[in-house]
Amino acid sequence: MSSTLETLFSTIEERKANPTSESYTAKLFTAGEGKICQKIGEEAVEVVVAALGNEGDDRVLYEMADMFYHSLVLLSARDLTFADLEAELARRFK
C-alpha cells in the first residue's frame, strides 16, 4: 500500500478508536454500516456520472477518491484491513 493510503487508513482507524464529535469519519462509524454502504453507492454513482458526463479526469479522480475513502471506512467498520483486500486480489491472480 502506498504511504498515502497507509496514512489514510491509519487515520480512519484512529477516528474509529478515538471518535470526536467533529470527525466525519467518526460520524460514519456511529451511523453504522448501512450509512457507510449508502455513501459508497452515492459516490459510485457520482463516479459514473462524472465519467459518462465527460466532466473531465479531475472530476472522475475526485469522485473516485471519495468512493475509495468510504470503501476504506467500510473495511475498517468490518474490522478488515487493506492488507486483507490485497490478499484477496492476490488470490485471484494466482
PDB file of N, CA and C in Angstrom:
ATOM      1  N   MET A   1       0.858  -1.167   0.000  1.00  0.00           N
ATOM      2  CA  MET A   1       0.000   0.000   0.000  1.00  0.00           C
ATOM      3  C   MET A   1       0.904   1.229   0.000  1.00  0.00           C
ATOM      4  N   SER A   2       0.480   2.247  -0.716  1.00  0.00           N
ATOM      5  CA  SER A   2       1.283   3.473  -0.742  1.00  0.00           C
ATOM      6  C   SER A   2       1.227   4.168   0.607  1.00  0.00           C
ATOM      7  N   SER A   3       2.182   5.030   0.844  1.00  0.00           N
ATOM      8  CA  SER A   3       2.208   5.733   2.130  1.00  0.00           C
ATOM      9  C   SER A   3       0.969   6.605   2.312  1.00  0.00           C
ATOM     10  N   THR A   4       0.435   7.152   1.230  1.00  0.00           N
ATOM     11  CA  THR A   4      -0.787   7.962   1.334  1.00  0.00           C
ATOM     12  C   THR A   4      -1.957   7.100   1.788  1.00  0.00           C
ATOM     13  N   LEU A   5      -2.085   5.924   1.205  1.00  0.00           N
ATOM     14  CA  LEU A   5      -3.174   5.031   1.599  1.00  0.00           C
ATOM     15  C   LEU A   5      -2.973   4.505   3.010  1.00  0.00           C
ATOM     16  N   GLU A   6      -1.740   4.215   3.370  1.00  0.00           N
ATOM     17  CA  GLU A   6      -1.458   3.781   4.735  1.00  0.00           C
ATOM     18  C   GLU A   6      -1.846   4.867   5.733  1.00  0.00           C
ATOM     19  N   THR A   7      -1.498   6.094   5.405  1.00  0.00           N
ATOM     20  CA  THR A   7      -1.839   7.218   6.284  1.00  0.00           C
ATOM     21  C   THR A   7      -3.352   7.389   6.380  1.00  0.00           C
ATOM     22  N   LEU A   8      -4.031   7.310   5.243  1.00  0.00           N
ATOM     23  CA  LEU A   8      -5.495   7.444   5.247  1.00  0.00           C
ATOM     24  C   LEU A   8      -6.130   6.345   6.080  1.00  0.00           C
ATOM     25  N   PHE A   9      -5.723   5.105   5.858  1.00  0.00           N
ATOM     26  CA  PHE A   9      -6.324   4.003   6.619  1.00  0.00           C
ATOM     27  C   PHE A   9      -6.002   4.129   8.102  1.00  0.00           C
ATOM     28  N   SER A  10      -4.796   4.540   8.430  1.00  0.00           N
ATOM     29  CA  SER A  10      -4.424   4.757   9.839  1.00  0.00           C
ATOM     30  C   SER A  10      -5.290   5.844  10.469  1.00  0.00           C
ATOM     31  N   THR A  11      -5.545   6.899   9.719  1.00  0.00           N
ATOM     32  CA  THR A  11      -6.405   7.980  10.219  1.00  0.00           C
ATOM     33  C   THR A  11      -7.823   7.474  10.450  1.00  0.00           C
ATOM     34  N   ILE A  12      -8.332   6.679   9.524  1.00  0.00           N
ATOM     35  CA  ILE A  12      -9.668   6.097   9.683  1.00  0.00           C
ATOM     36  C   ILE A  12      -9.719   5.232  10.942  1.00  0.00           C
ATOM     37  N   GLU A  13      -8.711   4.394  11.123  1.00  0.00           N
ATOM     38  CA  GLU A  13      -8.655   3.538  12.308  1.00  0.00           C
ATOM     39  C   GLU A  13      -8.577   4.378  13.598  1.00  0.00           C
ATOM     40  N   GLU A  14      -7.819   5.460  13.544  1.00  0.00           N
ATOM     41  CA  GLU A  14      -7.705   6.356  14.708  1.00  0.00           C
ATOM     42  C   GLU A  14      -9.057   6.990  15.037  1.00  0.00           C
ATOM     43  N   ARG A  15      -9.774   7.413  14.009  1.00  0.00           N
ATOM     44  CA  ARG A  15     -11.090   8.026  14.235  1.00  0.00           C
ATOM     45  C   ARG A  15     -12.078   7.012  14.805  1.00  0.00           C
ATOM     46  N   LYS A  16     -11.917   5.756  14.416  1.00  0.00           N
ATOM     47  CA  LYS A  16     -12.777   4.703  14.957  1.00  0.00           C
ATOM     48  C   LYS A  16     -12.453   4.461  16.427  1.00  0.00           C
ATOM     49  N   ALA A  17     -11.177   4.409  16.747  1.00  0.00           N
ATOM     50  CA  ALA A  17     -10.750   4.124  18.114  1.00  0.00           C
ATOM     51  C   ALA A  17     -10.973   5.302  19.059  1.00  0.00           C
ATOM     52  N   ASN A  18     -10.826   6.526  18.535  1.00  0.00           N
ATOM     53  CA  ASN A  18     -10.932   7.734  19.355  1.00  0.00           C
ATOM     54  C   ASN A  18     -11.837   8.756  18.670  1.00  0.00           C
ATOM     55  N   PRO A  19     -13.126   8.477  18.634  1.00  0.00           N
ATOM     56  CA  PRO A  19     -14.039   9.369  17.909  1.00  0.00           C
ATOM     57  C   PRO A  19     -14.180  10.729  18.587  1.00  0.00           C
ATOM     58  N   THR A  20     -14.336  11.741  17.748  1.00  0.00           N
ATOM     59  CA  THR A  20     -14.656  13.079  18.236  1.00  0.00           C
ATOM     60  C   THR A  20     -15.905  13.555  17.513  1.00  0.00           C
ATOM     61  N   SER A  21     -16.593  14.498  18.105  1.00  0.00           N
ATOM     62  CA  SER A  21     -17.843  14.974  17.517  1.00  0.00           C
ATOM     63  C   SER A  21     -17.635  15.727  16.209  1.00  0.00           C
ATOM     64  N   GLU A  22     -16.421  16.227  15.971  1.00  0.00           N
ATOM     65  CA  GLU A  22     -16.147  16.978  14.732  1.00  0.00           C
ATOM     66  C   GLU A  22     -15.779  16.066  13.570  1.00  0.00           C
ATOM     67  N   SER A  23     -15.471  14.828  13.829  1.00  0.00           N
ATOM     68  CA  SER A  23     -14.944  13.921  12.815  1.00  0.00           C
ATOM     69  C   SER A  23     -16.048  13.322  11.957  1.00  0.00           C
ATOM     70  N   TYR A  24     -15.976  13.593  10.641  1.00  0.00           N
ATOM     71  CA  TYR A  24     -16.918  12.988   9.699  1.00  0.00           C
ATOM     72  C   TYR A  24     -16.783  11.470   9.730  1.00  0.00           C
ATOM     73  N   THR A  25     -15.564  10.985   9.799  1.00  0.00           N
ATOM     74  CA  THR A  25     -15.329   9.543   9.833  1.00  0.00           C
ATOM     75  C   THR A  25     -15.979   8.923  11.061  1.00  0.00           C
ATOM     76  N   ALA A  26     -15.808   9.540  12.214  1.00  0.00           N
ATOM     77  CA  ALA A  26     -16.428   9.036  13.442  1.00  0.00           C
ATOM     78  C   ALA A  26     -17.944   9.028  13.318  1.00  0.00           C
ATOM     79  N   LYS A  27     -18.490  10.051  12.671  1.00  0.00           N
ATOM     80  CA  LYS A  27     -19.948  10.100  12.457  1.00  0.00           C
ATOM     81  C   LYS A  27     -20.419   8.956  11.575  1.00  0.00           C
ATOM     82  N   LEU A  28     -19.616   8.596  10.576  1.00  0.00           N
ATOM     83  CA  LEU A  28     -19.975   7.450   9.737  1.00  0.00           C
ATOM     84  C   LEU A  28     -19.995   6.167  10.555  1.00  0.00           C
ATOM     85  N   PHE A  29     -18.983   5.967  11.404  1.00  0.00           N
ATOM     86  CA  PHE A  29     -18.960   4.766  12.247  1.00  0.00           C
ATOM     87  C   PHE A  29     -20.179   4.731  13.167  1.00  0.00           C
ATOM     88  N   THR A  30     -20.540   5.871  13.725  1.00  0.00           N
ATOM     89  CA  THR A  30     -21.706   5.939  14.608  1.00  0.00           C
ATOM     90  C   THR A  30     -22.992   5.638  13.840  1.00  0.00           C
ATOM     91  N   ALA A  31     -23.097   6.126  12.620  1.00  0.00           N
ATOM     92  CA  ALA A  31     -24.290   5.913  11.803  1.00  0.00           C
ATOM     93  C   ALA A  31     -24.442   4.448  11.396  1.00  0.00           C
ATOM     94  N   GLY A  32     -23.327   3.746  11.294  1.00  0.00           N
ATOM     95  CA  GLY A  32     -23.393   2.319  11.027  1.00  0.00           C
ATOM     96  C   GLY A  32     -23.113   1.918   9.589  1.00  0.00           C
ATOM     97  N   GLU A  33     -23.045   0.612   9.418  1.00  0.00           N
ATOM     98  CA  GLU A  33     -22.666   0.041   8.134  1.00  0.00           C
ATOM     99  C   GLU A  33     -23.644   0.420   7.014  1.00  0.00           C
ATOM    100  N   GLY A  34     -24.920   0.519   7.329  1.00  0.00           N
ATOM    101  CA  GLY A  34     -25.898   0.894   6.306  1.00  0.00           C
ATOM    102  C   GLY A  34     -25.604   2.262   5.709  1.00  0.00           C
ATOM    103  N   LYS A  35     -25.284   3.224   6.549  1.00  0.00           N
ATOM    104  CA  LYS A  35     -24.956   4.574   6.085  1.00  0.00           C
ATOM    105  C   LYS A  35     -23.654   4.572   5.293  1.00  0.00           C
ATOM    106  N   ILE A  36     -22.675   3.821   5.767  1.00  0.00           N
ATOM    107  CA  ILE A  36     -21.398   3.739   5.055  1.00  0.00           C
ATOM    108  C   ILE A  36     -21.630   3.163   3.657  1.00  0.00           C
ATOM    109  N   CYS A  37     -22.409   2.101   3.574  1.00  0.00           N
ATOM    110  CA  CYS A  37     -22.711   1.493   2.269  1.00  0.00           C
ATOM    111  C   CYS A  37     -23.491   2.456   1.379  1.00  0.00           C
ATOM    112  N   GLN A  38     -24.391   3.199   1.965  1.00  0.00           N
ATOM    113  CA  GLN A  38     -25.140   4.203   1.204  1.00  0.00           C
ATOM    114  C   GLN A  38     -24.185   5.222   0.592  1.00  0.00           C
ATOM    115  N   LYS A  39     -23.217   5.676   1.367  1.00  0.00           N
ATOM    116  CA  LYS A  39     -22.242   6.651   0.864  1.00  0.00           C
ATOM    117  C   LYS A  39     -21.398   6.055  -0.261  1.00  0.00           C
ATOM    118  N   ILE A  40     -21.011   4.783  -0.136  1.00  0.00           N
ATOM    119  CA  ILE A  40     -20.258   4.141  -1.212  1.00  0.00           C
ATOM    120  C   ILE A  40     -21.095   4.133  -2.480  1.00  0.00           C
ATOM    121  N   GLY A  41     -22.365   3.789  -2.352  1.00  0.00           N
ATOM    122  CA  GLY A  41     -23.257   3.776  -3.507  1.00  0.00           C
ATOM    123  C   GLY A  41     -23.406   5.146  -4.137  1.00  0.00           C
ATOM    124  N   GLU A  42     -23.581   6.163  -3.317  1.00  0.00           N
ATOM    125  CA  GLU A  42     -23.703   7.535  -3.831  1.00  0.00           C
ATOM    126  C   GLU A  42     -22.445   7.944  -4.589  1.00  0.00           C
ATOM    127  N   GLU A  43     -21.299   7.639  -4.001  1.00  0.00           N
ATOM    128  CA  GLU A  43     -20.044   8.016  -4.640  1.00  0.00           C
ATOM    129  C   GLU A  43     -19.823   7.230  -5.930  1.00  0.00           C
ATOM    130  N   ALA A  44     -20.223   5.966  -5.952  1.00  0.00           N
ATOM    131  CA  ALA A  44     -20.090   5.169  -7.178  1.00  0.00           C
ATOM    132  C   ALA A  44     -20.921   5.779  -8.303  1.00  0.00           C
ATOM    133  N   VAL A  45     -22.128   6.206  -7.978  1.00  0.00           N
ATOM    134  CA  VAL A  45     -22.979   6.865  -8.980  1.00  0.00           C
ATOM    135  C   VAL A  45     -22.309   8.148  -9.461  1.00  0.00           C
ATOM    136  N   GLU A  46     -21.718   8.904  -8.556  1.00  0.00           N
ATOM    137  CA  GLU A  46     -21.055  10.151  -8.939  1.00  0.00           C
ATOM    138  C   GLU A  46     -19.847   9.885  -9.833  1.00  0.00           C
ATOM    139  N   VAL A  47     -19.135   8.775  -9.610  1.00  0.00           N
ATOM    140  CA  VAL A  47     -18.026   8.403 -10.495  1.00  0.00           C
ATOM    141  C   VAL A  47     -18.548   8.154 -11.899  1.00  0.00           C
ATOM    142  N   VAL A  48     -19.613   7.378 -12.005  1.00  0.00           N
ATOM    143  CA  VAL A  48     -20.185   7.038 -13.310  1.00  0.00           C
ATOM    144  C   VAL A  48     -20.712   8.288 -14.011  1.00  0.00           C
ATOM    145  N   VAL A  49     -21.407   9.135 -13.283  1.00  0.00           N
ATOM    146  CA  VAL A  49     -21.933  10.367 -13.873  1.00  0.00           C
ATOM    147  C   VAL A  49     -20.796  11.248 -14.375  1.00  0.00           C
ATOM    148  N   ALA A  50     -19.742  11.365 -13.584  1.00  0.00           N
ATOM    149  CA  ALA A  50     -18.596  12.189 -13.986  1.00  0.00           C
ATOM    150  C   ALA A  50     -17.930  11.615 -15.234  1.00  0.00           C
ATOM    151  N   ALA A  51     -17.779  10.302 -15.266  1.00  0.00           N
ATOM    152  CA  ALA A  51     -17.103   9.676 -16.406  1.00  0.00           C
ATOM    153  C   ALA A  51     -17.954   9.754 -17.669  1.00  0.00           C
ATOM    154  N   LEU A  52     -19.210   9.374 -17.553  1.00  0.00           N
ATOM    155  CA  LEU A  52     -20.072   9.351 -18.740  1.00  0.00           C
ATOM    156  C   LEU A  52     -20.538  10.741 -19.145  1.00  0.00           C
ATOM    157  N   GLY A  53     -20.508  11.666 -18.200  1.00  0.00           N
ATOM    158  CA  GLY A  53     -20.912  13.037 -18.493  1.00  0.00           C
ATOM    159  C   GLY A  53     -19.775  13.888 -19.016  1.00  0.00           C
ATOM    160  N   ASN A  54     -18.639  13.238 -19.259  1.00  0.00           N
ATOM    161  CA  ASN A  54     -17.468  13.943 -19.776  1.00  0.00           C
ATOM    162  C   ASN A  54     -17.110  15.159 -18.926  1.00  0.00           C
ATOM    163  N   GLU A  55     -17.131  14.957 -17.606  1.00  0.00           N
ATOM    164  CA  GLU A  55     -16.817  16.046 -16.680  1.00  0.00           C
ATOM    165  C   GLU A  55     -15.321  16.239 -16.483  1.00  0.00           C
ATOM    166  N   GLY A  56     -14.533  15.419 -17.136  1.00  0.00           N
ATOM    167  CA  GLY A  56     -13.085  15.570 -17.061  1.00  0.00           C
ATOM    168  C   GLY A  56     -12.459  14.631 -16.056  1.00  0.00           C
ATOM    169  N   ASP A  57     -11.183  14.378 -16.273  1.00  0.00           N
ATOM    170  CA  ASP A  57     -10.448  13.447 -15.418  1.00  0.00           C
ATOM    171  C   ASP A  57     -10.339  13.929 -13.980  1.00  0.00           C
ATOM    172  N   ASP A  58     -10.201  15.237 -13.772  1.00  0.00           N
ATOM    173  CA  ASP A  58     -10.095  15.758 -12.407  1.00  0.00           C
ATOM    174  C   ASP A  58     -11.334  15.407 -11.598  1.00  0.00           C
ATOM    175  N   ARG A  59     -12.502  15.536 -12.222  1.00  0.00           N
ATOM    176  CA  ARG A  59     -13.756  15.235 -11.521  1.00  0.00           C
ATOM    177  C   ARG A  59     -13.870  13.735 -11.249  1.00  0.00           C
ATOM    178  N   VAL A  60     -13.488  12.917 -12.229  1.00  0.00           N
ATOM    179  CA  VAL A  60     -13.526  11.467 -12.031  1.00  0.00           C
ATOM    180  C   VAL A  60     -12.603  11.077 -10.875  1.00  0.00           C
ATOM    181  N   LEU A  61     -11.404  11.618 -10.843  1.00  0.00           N
ATOM    182  CA  LEU A  61     -10.479  11.317  -9.748  1.00  0.00           C
ATOM    183  C   LEU A  61     -11.027  11.775  -8.403  1.00  0.00           C
ATOM    184  N   TYR A  62     -11.629  12.958  -8.369  1.00  0.00           N
ATOM    185  CA  TYR A  62     -12.206  13.488  -7.129  1.00  0.00           C
ATOM    186  C   TYR A  62     -13.269  12.532  -6.583  1.00  0.00           C
ATOM    187  N   GLU A  63     -14.170  12.104  -7.464  1.00  0.00           N
ATOM    188  CA  GLU A  63     -15.248  11.226  -7.027  1.00  0.00           C
ATOM    189  C   GLU A  63     -14.727   9.829  -6.671  1.00  0.00           C
ATOM    190  N   MET A  64     -13.729   9.349  -7.419  1.00  0.00           N
ATOM    191  CA  MET A  64     -13.160   8.042  -7.089  1.00  0.00           C
ATOM    192  C   MET A  64     -12.453   8.079  -5.738  1.00  0.00           C
ATOM    193  N   ALA A  65     -11.801   9.186  -5.431  1.00  0.00           N
ATOM    194  CA  ALA A  65     -11.156   9.322  -4.122  1.00  0.00           C
ATOM    195  C   ALA A  65     -12.202   9.245  -3.011  1.00  0.00           C
ATOM    196  N   ASP A  66     -13.346   9.909  -3.209  1.00  0.00           N
ATOM    197  CA  ASP A  66     -14.430   9.830  -2.219  1.00  0.00           C
ATOM    198  C   ASP A  66     -14.935   8.400  -2.070  1.00  0.00           C
ATOM    199  N   MET A  67     -15.117   7.716  -3.206  1.00  0.00           N
ATOM    200  CA  MET A  67     -15.611   6.339  -3.166  1.00  0.00           C
ATOM    201  C   MET A  67     -14.599   5.427  -2.465  1.00  0.00           C
ATOM    202  N   PHE A  68     -13.328   5.628  -2.765  1.00  0.00           N
ATOM    203  CA  PHE A  68     -12.288   4.805  -2.158  1.00  0.00           C
ATOM    204  C   PHE A  68     -12.204   5.053  -0.660  1.00  0.00           C
ATOM    205  N   TYR A  69     -12.288   6.319  -0.248  1.00  0.00           N
ATOM    206  CA  TYR A  69     -12.279   6.656   1.183  1.00  0.00           C
ATOM    207  C   TYR A  69     -13.416   5.926   1.903  1.00  0.00           C
ATOM    208  N   HIS A  70     -14.631   6.031   1.365  1.00  0.00           N
ATOM    209  CA  HIS A  70     -15.775   5.397   2.016  1.00  0.00           C
ATOM    210  C   HIS A  70     -15.621   3.874   2.024  1.00  0.00           C
ATOM    211  N   SER A  71     -14.993   3.318   0.997  1.00  0.00           N
ATOM    212  CA  SER A  71     -14.734   1.876   0.967  1.00  0.00           C
ATOM    213  C   SER A  71     -13.765   1.475   2.074  1.00  0.00           C
ATOM    214  N   LEU A  72     -12.752   2.293   2.312  1.00  0.00           N
ATOM    215  CA  LEU A  72     -11.825   2.016   3.406  1.00  0.00           C
ATOM    216  C   LEU A  72     -12.527   2.119   4.757  1.00  0.00           C
ATOM    217  N   VAL A  73     -13.456   3.050   4.891  1.00  0.00           N
ATOM    218  CA  VAL A  73     -14.235   3.150   6.135  1.00  0.00           C
ATOM    219  C   VAL A  73     -15.020   1.859   6.350  1.00  0.00           C
ATOM    220  N   LEU A  74     -15.604   1.325   5.278  1.00  0.00           N
ATOM    221  CA  LEU A  74     -16.344   0.066   5.404  1.00  0.00           C
ATOM    222  C   LEU A  74     -15.419  -1.076   5.823  1.00  0.00           C
ATOM    223  N   LEU A  75     -14.243  -1.160   5.221  1.00  0.00           N
ATOM    224  CA  LEU A  75     -13.285  -2.191   5.636  1.00  0.00           C
ATOM    225  C   LEU A  75     -13.009  -2.090   7.131  1.00  0.00           C
ATOM    226  N   SER A  76     -12.739  -0.881   7.581  1.00  0.00           N
ATOM    227  CA  SER A  76     -12.443  -0.663   8.993  1.00  0.00           C
ATOM    228  C   SER A  76     -13.639  -1.012   9.879  1.00  0.00           C
ATOM    229  N   ALA A  77     -14.823  -0.627   9.452  1.00  0.00           N
ATOM    230  CA  ALA A  77     -16.031  -0.907  10.237  1.00  0.00           C
ATOM    231  C   ALA A  77     -16.237  -2.411  10.414  1.00  0.00           C
ATOM    232  N   ARG A  78     -15.792  -3.174   9.434  1.00  0.00           N
ATOM    233  CA  ARG A  78     -15.933  -4.634   9.493  1.00  0.00           C
ATOM    234  C   ARG A  78     -14.682  -5.301  10.069  1.00  0.00           C
ATOM    235  N   ASP A  79     -13.771  -4.489  10.611  1.00  0.00           N
ATOM    236  CA  ASP A  79     -12.503  -4.981  11.170  1.00  0.00           C
ATOM    237  C   ASP A  79     -11.672  -5.730  10.140  1.00  0.00           C
ATOM    238  N   LEU A  80     -11.740  -5.260   8.900  1.00  0.00           N
ATOM    239  CA  LEU A  80     -10.901  -5.749   7.820  1.00  0.00           C
ATOM    240  C   LEU A  80      -9.837  -4.704   7.542  1.00  0.00           C
ATOM    241  N   THR A  81      -8.800  -5.093   6.832  1.00  0.00           N
ATOM    242  CA  THR A  81      -7.725  -4.156   6.531  1.00  0.00           C
ATOM    243  C   THR A  81      -7.484  -4.103   5.028  1.00  0.00           C
ATOM    244  N   PHE A  82      -6.703  -3.122   4.631  1.00  0.00           N
ATOM    245  CA  PHE A  82      -6.311  -3.024   3.232  1.00  0.00           C
ATOM    246  C   PHE A  82      -5.493  -4.259   2.858  1.00  0.00           C
ATOM    247  N   ALA A  83      -4.724  -4.781   3.793  1.00  0.00           N
ATOM    248  CA  ALA A  83      -3.948  -5.999   3.549  1.00  0.00           C
ATOM    249  C   ALA A  83      -4.871  -7.178   3.248  1.00  0.00           C
ATOM    250  N   ASP A  84      -6.022  -7.239   3.911  1.00  0.00           N
ATOM    251  CA  ASP A  84      -6.993  -8.292   3.611  1.00  0.00           C
ATOM    252  C   ASP A  84      -7.480  -8.178   2.171  1.00  0.00           C
ATOM    253  N   LEU A  85      -7.720  -6.967   1.730  1.00  0.00           N
ATOM    254  CA  LEU A  85      -8.152  -6.733   0.354  1.00  0.00           C
ATOM    255  C   LEU A  85      -7.049  -7.119  -0.633  1.00  0.00           C
ATOM    256  N   GLU A  86      -5.817  -6.723  -0.319  1.00  0.00           N
ATOM    257  CA  GLU A  86      -4.686  -7.087  -1.168  1.00  0.00           C
ATOM    258  C   GLU A  86      -4.540  -8.610  -1.269  1.00  0.00           C
ATOM    259  N   ALA A  87      -4.744  -9.295  -0.166  1.00  0.00           N
ATOM    260  CA  ALA A  87      -4.640 -10.755  -0.163  1.00  0.00           C
ATOM    261  C   ALA A  87      -5.714 -11.376  -1.054  1.00  0.00           C
ATOM    262  N   GLU A  88      -6.907 -10.830  -1.006  1.00  0.00           N
ATOM    263  CA  GLU A  88      -7.984 -11.325  -1.869  1.00  0.00           C
ATOM    264  C   GLU A  88      -7.655 -11.104  -3.337  1.00  0.00           C
ATOM    265  N   LEU A  89      -7.133  -9.929  -3.661  1.00  0.00           N
ATOM    266  CA  LEU A  89      -6.754  -9.662  -5.047  1.00  0.00           C
ATOM    267  C   LEU A  89      -5.607 -10.575  -5.494  1.00  0.00           C
ATOM    268  N   ALA A  90      -4.650 -10.794  -4.616  1.00  0.00           N
ATOM    269  CA  ALA A  90      -3.530 -11.690  -4.947  1.00  0.00           C
ATOM    270  C   ALA A  90      -4.035 -13.109  -5.173  1.00  0.00           C
ATOM    271  N   ARG A  91      -5.002 -13.544  -4.374  1.00  0.00           N
ATOM    272  CA  ARG A  91      -5.570 -14.887  -4.534  1.00  0.00           C
ATOM    273  C   ARG A  91      -6.197 -15.046  -5.914  1.00  0.00           C
ATOM    274  N   ARG A  92      -6.797 -13.994  -6.420  1.00  0.00           N
ATOM    275  CA  ARG A  92      -7.465 -14.045  -7.726  1.00  0.00           C
ATOM    276  C   ARG A  92      -6.497 -14.087  -8.884  1.00  0.00           C
ATOM    277  N   PHE A  93      -5.280 -13.631  -8.674  1.00  0.00           N
ATOM    278  CA  PHE A  93      -4.313 -13.538  -9.762  1.00  0.00           C
ATOM    279  C   PHE A  93      -3.232 -14.614  -9.695  1.00  0.00           C
ATOM    280  N   LYS A  94      -3.519 -15.710  -9.028  1.00  0.00           N
ATOM    281  CA  LYS A  94      -2.560 -16.824  -8.953  1.00  0.00           C
ATOM    282  C   LYS A  94      -2.613 -17.627 -10.220  1.00  0.00           C
TER     283      LYS A  94
END
